[in-house]
C-alpha atoms as a PDB file:
ATOM      1  CA  MET A   1     197.311 131.174 108.873  1.00  0.00           C
ATOM      2  CA  ASN A   2     195.934 127.643 110.059  1.00  0.00           C
ATOM      3  CA  VAL A   3     195.617 124.612 106.940  1.00  0.00           C
ATOM      4  CA  VAL A   4     193.204 121.182 106.992  1.00  0.00           C
ATOM      5  CA  ILE A   5     194.617 118.827 104.363  1.00  0.00           C
ATOM      6  CA  ALA A   6     192.438 116.053 103.985  1.00  0.00           C
ATOM      7  CA  GLY A   7     194.069 113.036 102.130  1.00  0.00           C
ATOM      8  CA  GLY A   8     196.975 114.036 104.434  1.00  0.00           C
ATOM      9  CA  HIS A   9     199.524 111.052 103.639  1.00  0.00           C
ATOM     10  CA  GLY A  10     199.331 111.766  99.679  1.00  0.00           C
ATOM     11  CA  LYS A  11     202.310 112.148  98.054  1.00  0.00           C
ATOM     12  CA  ILE A  12     201.342 116.511  97.164  1.00  0.00           C
ATOM     13  CA  ALA A  13     200.003 116.632 100.863  1.00  0.00           C
ATOM     14  CA  LEU A  14     202.828 115.477 102.693  1.00  0.00           C
ATOM     15  CA  ILE A  15     205.083 118.335 100.562  1.00  0.00           C
ATOM     16  CA  THR A  16     202.240 120.610 100.667  1.00  0.00           C
ATOM     17  CA  GLU A  17     202.224 120.381 104.414  1.00  0.00           C
ATOM     18  CA  ARG A  18     206.244 120.933 105.077  1.00  0.00           C
ATOM     19  CA  LEU A  19     206.270 123.516 102.475  1.00  0.00           C
ATOM     20  CA  LEU A  20     203.341 125.544 104.782  1.00  0.00           C
ATOM     21  CA  ALA A  21     205.244 124.462 108.042  1.00  0.00           C
ATOM     22  CA  ALA A  22     208.979 126.106 106.932  1.00  0.00           C
ATOM     23  CA  ARG A  23     206.279 129.345 106.119  1.00  0.00           C
ATOM     24  CA  GLY A  24     205.115 128.906 109.782  1.00  0.00           C
ATOM     25  CA  ASP A  25     201.165 127.993 108.911  1.00  0.00           C
ATOM     26  CA  ALA A  26     199.491 125.562 111.294  1.00  0.00           C
ATOM     27  CA  VAL A  27     198.753 122.310 109.240  1.00  0.00           C
ATOM     28  CA  VAL A  28     196.318 119.379 110.174  1.00  0.00           C
ATOM     29  CA  GLY A  29     196.260 116.385 108.133  1.00  0.00           C
ATOM     30  CA  LEU A  30     192.746 114.420 107.881  1.00  0.00           C
ATOM     31  CA  ILE A  31     194.308 110.777 107.632  1.00  0.00           C
ATOM     32  CA  ARG A  32     192.413 107.159 107.588  1.00  0.00           C
ATOM     33  CA  ASN A  33     195.531 105.054 108.234  1.00  0.00           C
ATOM     34  CA  PRO A  34     196.730 105.640 111.980  1.00  0.00           C
ATOM     35  CA  ASP A  35     199.816 104.361 111.095  1.00  0.00           C
ATOM     36  CA  HIS A  36     200.656 107.444 108.220  1.00  0.00           C
ATOM     37  CA  ALA A  37     200.925 109.751 111.613  1.00  0.00           C
ATOM     38  CA  ALA A  38     204.325 109.341 111.989  1.00  0.00           C
ATOM     39  CA  ASP A  39     204.934 110.770 108.747  1.00  0.00           C
ATOM     40  CA  LEU A  40     202.822 113.944 108.563  1.00  0.00           C
ATOM     41  CA  GLU A  41     204.705 114.463 112.448  1.00  0.00           C
ATOM     42  CA  ALA A  42     207.701 114.914 110.365  1.00  0.00           C
ATOM     43  CA  ALA A  43     206.587 116.722 107.809  1.00  0.00           C
ATOM     44  CA  GLY A  44     205.735 119.161 110.809  1.00  0.00           C
ATOM     45  CA  ALA A  45     201.889 118.910 110.309  1.00  0.00           C
ATOM     46  CA  ARG A  46     199.145 116.904 112.927  1.00  0.00           C
ATOM     47  CA  PRO A  47     197.430 114.169 112.556  1.00  0.00           C
ATOM     48  CA  VAL A  48     194.045 113.566 112.713  1.00  0.00           C
ATOM     49  CA  VAL A  49     192.488 110.153 112.163  1.00  0.00           C
ATOM     50  CA  ILE A  50     188.935 110.088 110.343  1.00  0.00           C
ATOM     51  CA  ASP A  51     187.603 108.291 107.720  1.00  0.00           C
ATOM     52  CA  LEU A  52     186.145 110.521 105.089  1.00  0.00           C
ATOM     53  CA  GLU A  53     184.067 108.031 103.573  1.00  0.00           C
ATOM     54  CA  LYS A  54     182.416 107.313 107.138  1.00  0.00           C
ATOM     55  CA  ALA A  55     182.367 110.518 108.348  1.00  0.00           C
ATOM     56  CA  THR A  56     179.267 113.322 109.252  1.00  0.00           C
ATOM     57  CA  VAL A  57     179.899 116.524 108.552  1.00  0.00           C
ATOM     58  CA  ASP A  58     179.522 117.724 111.894  1.00  0.00           C
ATOM     59  CA  GLU A  59     182.740 115.213 112.663  1.00  0.00           C
ATOM     60  CA  VAL A  60     184.804 116.319 109.852  1.00  0.00           C
ATOM     61  CA  ALA A  61     183.384 120.234 110.997  1.00  0.00           C
ATOM     62  CA  GLY A  62     184.645 120.049 114.362  1.00  0.00           C
ATOM     63  CA  HIS A  63     187.929 119.483 112.811  1.00  0.00           C
ATOM     64  CA  LEU A  64     187.637 122.257 110.282  1.00  0.00           C
ATOM     65  CA  ALA A  65     187.268 124.653 113.553  1.00  0.00           C
ATOM     66  CA  GLY A  66     189.606 127.466 113.748  1.00  0.00           C
ATOM     67  CA  ALA A  67     190.790 126.823 110.102  1.00  0.00           C
ATOM     68  CA  ASP A  68     191.515 129.801 107.541  1.00  0.00           C
ATOM     69  CA  ALA A  69     191.339 126.630 104.773  1.00  0.00           C
ATOM     70  CA  GLU A  70     191.527 123.756 103.329  1.00  0.00           C
ATOM     71  CA  VAL A  71     192.911 121.395 100.903  1.00  0.00           C
ATOM     72  CA  PHE A  72     191.384 118.419  98.961  1.00  0.00           C
ATOM     73  CA  ALA A  73     193.984 116.299  98.453  1.00  0.00           C
ATOM     74  CA  ALA A  74     192.327 112.906  98.971  1.00  0.00           C
ATOM     75  CA  GLY A  75     191.977 110.005  96.470  1.00  0.00           C
ATOM     76  CA  ALA A  76     191.289 106.487  96.607  1.00  0.00           C
ATOM     77  CA  GLY A  77     194.280 106.195  94.502  1.00  0.00           C
ATOM     78  CA  PRO A  78     195.700 103.538  92.175  1.00  0.00           C
ATOM     79  CA  GLY A  79     194.391 100.276  92.587  1.00  0.00           C
ATOM     80  CA  SER A  80     190.618 101.377  93.283  1.00  0.00           C
ATOM     81  CA  GLY A  81     187.586 100.824  91.172  1.00  0.00           C
ATOM     82  CA  ALA A  82     184.968 102.177  89.987  1.00  0.00           C
ATOM     83  CA  ALA A  83     183.181 102.637  93.083  1.00  0.00           C
ATOM     84  CA  ARG A  84     185.748 104.260  95.433  1.00  0.00           C
ATOM     85  CA  LYS A  85     186.418 106.843  92.665  1.00  0.00           C
ATOM     86  CA  GLN A  86     182.938 108.347  93.906  1.00  0.00           C
ATOM     87  CA  THR A  87     182.971 107.692  97.408  1.00  0.00           C
ATOM     88  CA  VAL A  88     186.186 109.329  97.995  1.00  0.00           C
ATOM     89  CA  ASP A  89     186.901 111.423  94.880  1.00  0.00           C
ATOM     90  CA  ARG A  90     183.637 113.195  94.542  1.00  0.00           C
ATOM     91  CA  ASP A  91     181.863 112.534  97.641  1.00  0.00           C
ATOM     92  CA  ALA A  92     184.133 113.260  99.954  1.00  0.00           C
ATOM     93  CA  ALA A  93     185.320 116.269  98.623  1.00  0.00           C
ATOM     94  CA  ILE A  94     181.755 117.404  98.690  1.00  0.00           C
ATOM     95  CA  LEU A  95     181.561 116.052 102.618  1.00  0.00           C
ATOM     96  CA  LEU A  96     184.446 118.534 103.253  1.00  0.00           C
ATOM     97  CA  ALA A  97     182.876 121.318 101.335  1.00  0.00           C
ATOM     98  CA  ASP A  98     179.351 120.747 103.437  1.00  0.00           C
ATOM     99  CA  ALA A  99     181.439 120.410 106.575  1.00  0.00           C
ATOM    100  CA  ALA A 100     183.418 123.837 105.947  1.00  0.00           C
ATOM    101  CA  GLU A 101     180.168 126.012 105.477  1.00  0.00           C
ATOM    102  CA  ALA A 102     179.026 124.089 108.473  1.00  0.00           C
ATOM    103  CA  ALA A 103     181.782 125.175 110.396  1.00  0.00           C
ATOM    104  CA  GLY A 104     182.414 128.950 108.583  1.00  0.00           C
ATOM    105  CA  VAL A 105     185.627 128.298 106.690  1.00  0.00           C
ATOM    106  CA  ARG A 106     185.173 130.152 103.056  1.00  0.00           C
ATOM    107  CA  ARG A 107     188.608 129.144 101.390  1.00  0.00           C
ATOM    108  CA  TYR A 108     188.635 125.789 100.029  1.00  0.00           C
ATOM    109  CA  VAL A 109     191.400 124.675  97.573  1.00  0.00           C
ATOM    110  CA  MET A 110     190.421 121.064  95.325  1.00  0.00           C
ATOM    111  CA  ILE A 111     193.318 119.625  93.940  1.00  0.00           C
ATOM    112  CA  SER A 112     191.561 118.134  90.995  1.00  0.00           C
ATOM    113  CA  ALA A 113     192.633 116.793  87.609  1.00  0.00           C
ATOM    114  CA  MET A 114     193.307 118.011  84.112  1.00  0.00           C
ATOM    115  CA  GLY A 115     190.672 116.315  81.944  1.00  0.00           C
ATOM    116  CA  ALA A 116     187.801 116.595  84.464  1.00  0.00           C
ATOM    117  CA  ASP A 117     185.983 118.597  82.415  1.00  0.00           C
ATOM    118  CA  VAL A 118     185.522 116.645  79.642  1.00  0.00           C
ATOM    119  CA  ASP A 119     182.687 114.598  78.582  1.00  0.00           C
ATOM    120  CA  THR A 120     184.263 111.508  77.900  1.00  0.00           C
ATOM    121  CA  PRO A 121     182.062 108.915  76.157  1.00  0.00           C
ATOM    122  CA  ASP A 122     181.054 105.551  78.465  1.00  0.00           C
ATOM    123  CA  ASP A 123     183.274 103.210  75.452  1.00  0.00           C
ATOM    124  CA  ALA A 124     186.096 105.151  76.181  1.00  0.00           C
ATOM    125  CA  ALA A 125     189.068 102.064  77.371  1.00  0.00           C
ATOM    126  CA  ASP A 126     189.527 102.887  80.626  1.00  0.00           C
ATOM    127  CA  GLU A 127     186.152 102.597  82.496  1.00  0.00           C
ATOM    128  CA  VAL A 128     187.964 103.072  85.926  1.00  0.00           C
ATOM    129  CA  PHE A 129     189.857 106.178  84.694  1.00  0.00           C
ATOM    130  CA  VAL A 130     186.569 107.704  83.443  1.00  0.00           C
ATOM    131  CA  ALA A 131     184.510 107.196  86.629  1.00  0.00           C
ATOM    132  CA  TYR A 132     187.578 109.080  88.250  1.00  0.00           C
ATOM    133  CA  LEU A 133     187.730 111.971  86.074  1.00  0.00           C
ATOM    134  CA  ARG A 134     183.568 112.184  86.058  1.00  0.00           C
ATOM    135  CA  ALA A 135     183.820 112.097  90.263  1.00  0.00           C
ATOM    136  CA  LYS A 136     186.294 114.495  89.742  1.00  0.00           C
ATOM    137  CA  GLY A 137     184.253 116.785  87.393  1.00  0.00           C
ATOM    138  CA  ALA A 138     181.195 116.467  89.568  1.00  0.00           C
ATOM    139  CA  ALA A 139     183.105 117.450  92.642  1.00  0.00           C
ATOM    140  CA  ASP A 140     184.509 120.559  91.161  1.00  0.00           C
ATOM    141  CA  ASP A 141     181.139 121.550  89.976  1.00  0.00           C
ATOM    142  CA  ASP A 142     179.426 121.207  93.367  1.00  0.00           C
ATOM    143  CA  ILE A 143     182.255 123.013  95.052  1.00  0.00           C
ATOM    144  CA  ARG A 144     182.468 126.261  92.449  1.00  0.00           C
ATOM    145  CA  SER A 145     178.150 126.113  92.628  1.00  0.00           C
ATOM    146  CA  ARG A 146     178.244 127.670  96.144  1.00  0.00           C
ATOM    147  CA  THR A 147     178.438 130.993  97.406  1.00  0.00           C
ATOM    148  CA  GLY A 148     179.345 130.040 100.840  1.00  0.00           C
ATOM    149  CA  LEU A 149     183.401 128.843  99.963  1.00  0.00           C
ATOM    150  CA  SER A 150     185.970 131.074  98.111  1.00  0.00           C
ATOM    151  CA  ALA A 151     187.505 128.469  95.806  1.00  0.00           C
ATOM    152  CA  THR A 152     190.189 127.257  93.821  1.00  0.00           C
ATOM    153  CA  ILE A 153     190.257 124.176  91.921  1.00  0.00           C
ATOM    154  CA  VAL A 154     193.864 123.344  90.422  1.00  0.00           C
ATOM    155  CA  ARG A 155     193.590 120.576  87.555  1.00  0.00           C
ATOM    156  CA  PRO A 156     197.528 119.241  87.261  1.00  0.00           C
ATOM    157  CA  GLY A 157     198.652 117.900  84.713  1.00  0.00           C
ATOM    158  CA  HIS A 158     200.027 113.990  84.271  1.00  0.00           C
ATOM    159  CA  LEU A 159     202.035 113.735  88.039  1.00  0.00           C
ATOM    160  CA  THR A 160     206.014 112.663  88.355  1.00  0.00           C
ATOM    161  CA  ASP A 161     208.491 112.513  90.900  1.00  0.00           C
ATOM    162  CA  ASP A 162     210.860 114.341  89.662  1.00  0.00           C
ATOM    163  CA  GLU A 163     212.867 117.684  91.518  1.00  0.00           C
ATOM    164  CA  PRO A 164     210.636 120.835  91.091  1.00  0.00           C
ATOM    165  CA  THR A 165     211.763 123.180  89.070  1.00  0.00           C
ATOM    166  CA  GLY A 166     209.496 126.837  90.345  1.00  0.00           C
ATOM    167  CA  ARG A 167     208.291 127.377  87.004  1.00  0.00           C
ATOM    168  CA  VAL A 168     204.986 126.215  85.251  1.00  0.00           C
ATOM    169  CA  THR A 169     202.303 126.954  82.947  1.00  0.00           C
ATOM    170  CA  ILE A 170     199.411 127.881  84.324  1.00  0.00           C
ATOM    171  CA  ALA A 171     195.934 128.733  81.868  1.00  0.00           C
ATOM    172  CA  GLU A 172     192.929 128.387  81.914  1.00  0.00           C
ATOM    173  CA  HIS A 173     193.616 125.485  79.381  1.00  0.00           C
ATOM    174  CA  THR A 174     197.272 124.515  79.314  1.00  0.00           C
ATOM    175  CA  GLY A 175     197.626 121.900  75.958  1.00  0.00           C
ATOM    176  CA  ARG A 176     198.426 117.609  77.741  1.00  0.00           C
ATOM    177  CA  GLY A 177     201.551 118.156  79.554  1.00  0.00           C
ATOM    178  CA  SER A 178     203.480 116.306  83.144  1.00  0.00           C
ATOM    179  CA  ILE A 179     203.934 118.020  86.378  1.00  0.00           C
ATOM    180  CA  ALA A 180     206.390 117.637  89.788  1.00  0.00           C
ATOM    181  CA  ARG A 181     204.201 116.974  92.659  1.00  0.00           C
ATOM    182  CA  ALA A 182     206.274 119.153  94.113  1.00  0.00           C
ATOM    183  CA  ASP A 183     205.496 121.728  91.958  1.00  0.00           C
ATOM    184  CA  VAL A 184     202.099 121.302  92.049  1.00  0.00           C
ATOM    185  CA  ALA A 185     202.419 121.916  95.996  1.00  0.00           C
ATOM    186  CA  ALA A 186     204.151 125.121  95.656  1.00  0.00           C
ATOM    187  CA  VAL A 187     201.198 126.109  93.708  1.00  0.00           C
ATOM    188  CA  ILE A 188     199.263 125.312  96.152  1.00  0.00           C
ATOM    189  CA  VAL A 189     200.989 126.777  98.807  1.00  0.00           C
ATOM    190  CA  ASP A 190     201.172 130.082  96.625  1.00  0.00           C
ATOM    191  CA  VAL A 191     197.286 130.154  95.403  1.00  0.00           C
ATOM    192  CA  LEU A 192     196.268 129.205  99.586  1.00  0.00           C
ATOM    193  CA  HIS A 193     198.309 132.634 100.174  1.00  0.00           C
ATOM    194  CA  ASP A 194     196.936 134.577  97.211  1.00  0.00           C
ATOM    195  CA  PRO A 195     192.817 135.722  98.007  1.00  0.00           C
ATOM    196  CA  GLN A 196     193.421 136.989  94.169  1.00  0.00           C
ATOM    197  CA  THR A 197     193.058 133.123  93.190  1.00  0.00           C
ATOM    198  CA  GLU A 198     189.676 132.689  94.766  1.00  0.00           C
ATOM    199  CA  GLY A 199     186.992 131.437  92.133  1.00  0.00           C
ATOM    200  CA  ARG A 200     189.631 130.384  89.601  1.00  0.00           C
ATOM    201  CA  THR A 201     190.211 126.916  87.980  1.00  0.00           C
ATOM    202  CA  PHE A 202     193.228 126.251  85.898  1.00  0.00           C
ATOM    203  CA  GLU A 203     195.209 123.748  84.315  1.00  0.00           C
ATOM    204  CA  LEU A 204     198.901 123.151  85.715  1.00  0.00           C
ATOM    205  CA  ILE A 205     201.962 121.701  83.679  1.00  0.00           C
ATOM    206  CA  ALA A 206     205.717 122.256  83.758  1.00  0.00           C
ATOM    207  CA  GLY A 207     206.762 125.038  81.982  1.00  0.00           C
ATOM    208  CA  ASP A 208     209.178 128.201  81.726  1.00  0.00           C
ATOM    209  CA  THR A 209     207.508 130.657  84.485  1.00  0.00           C
ATOM    210  CA  PRO A 210     207.809 131.341  88.019  1.00  0.00           C
ATOM    211  CA  ILE A 211     205.199 130.463  89.635  1.00  0.00           C
ATOM    212  CA  SER A 212     203.926 133.328  91.198  1.00  0.00           C
ATOM    213  CA  SER A 213     204.091 134.881  87.764  1.00  0.00           C
ATOM    214  CA  ALA A 214     202.794 132.347  86.334  1.00  0.00           C
ATOM    215  CA  ARG A 215     199.818 132.217  88.629  1.00  0.00           C
ATOM    216  CA  GLY A 216     199.777 136.297  87.669  1.00  0.00           C
ATOM    217  CA  ASP A 217     198.948 135.718  84.455  1.00  0.00           C
ATOM    218  CA  ALA A 218     196.241 132.865  85.199  1.00  0.00           C
ATOM    219  CA  ASN A 219     194.373 135.785  87.672  1.00  0.00           C
ATOM    220  CA  SER A 220     194.278 138.501  84.764  1.00  0.00           C
ATOM    221  CA  SER A 221     193.358 135.993  81.937  1.00  0.00           C
ATOM    222  CA  THR A 222     190.778 133.595  82.976  1.00  0.00           C
END
């Protein structure tokens, strides 16, 4: 499988790239900072420098040519303001979807966030986090609405850098919880290779069920 990962230098993205490369898949990582290229190469991915906040649909589509799937793993990151939640977490995800349709690449996996489907009040304490959730929710809604994409939206809980366990809980609604980034990456790889997850949106936290079995349960219940 040929996979393009937007936000290729993120923590989840780098682990995903390693896992895909270990399977023998070809991986391209889209990055904004050329200084990050060596990290992608070490993970087994081919880096492509492109700024998704400035790129055109045609430019991104050119980098998707020949791909079997794309993963949106980009994010404005901690310390960014509400405006960049819109331009990265929402607009860049939509740009990737536009480019995927232009390039004829149907498979789209979105790393979203738990709570992205919640109607958060305007007077919530952390306005930047509210902007983040709303941006993620808007991107999810756009991607799900497209008949030209076969999308899976993965909404992990609180992310940690703990060692992976290979055991998770996957459901339409899991309740609050945390999950290791390495386990999220393993779920992304599993999802990419399982067409039965297409059209699904699910939450993801640590649990007791092996990933393939947990994902299978979600397929049959959501």
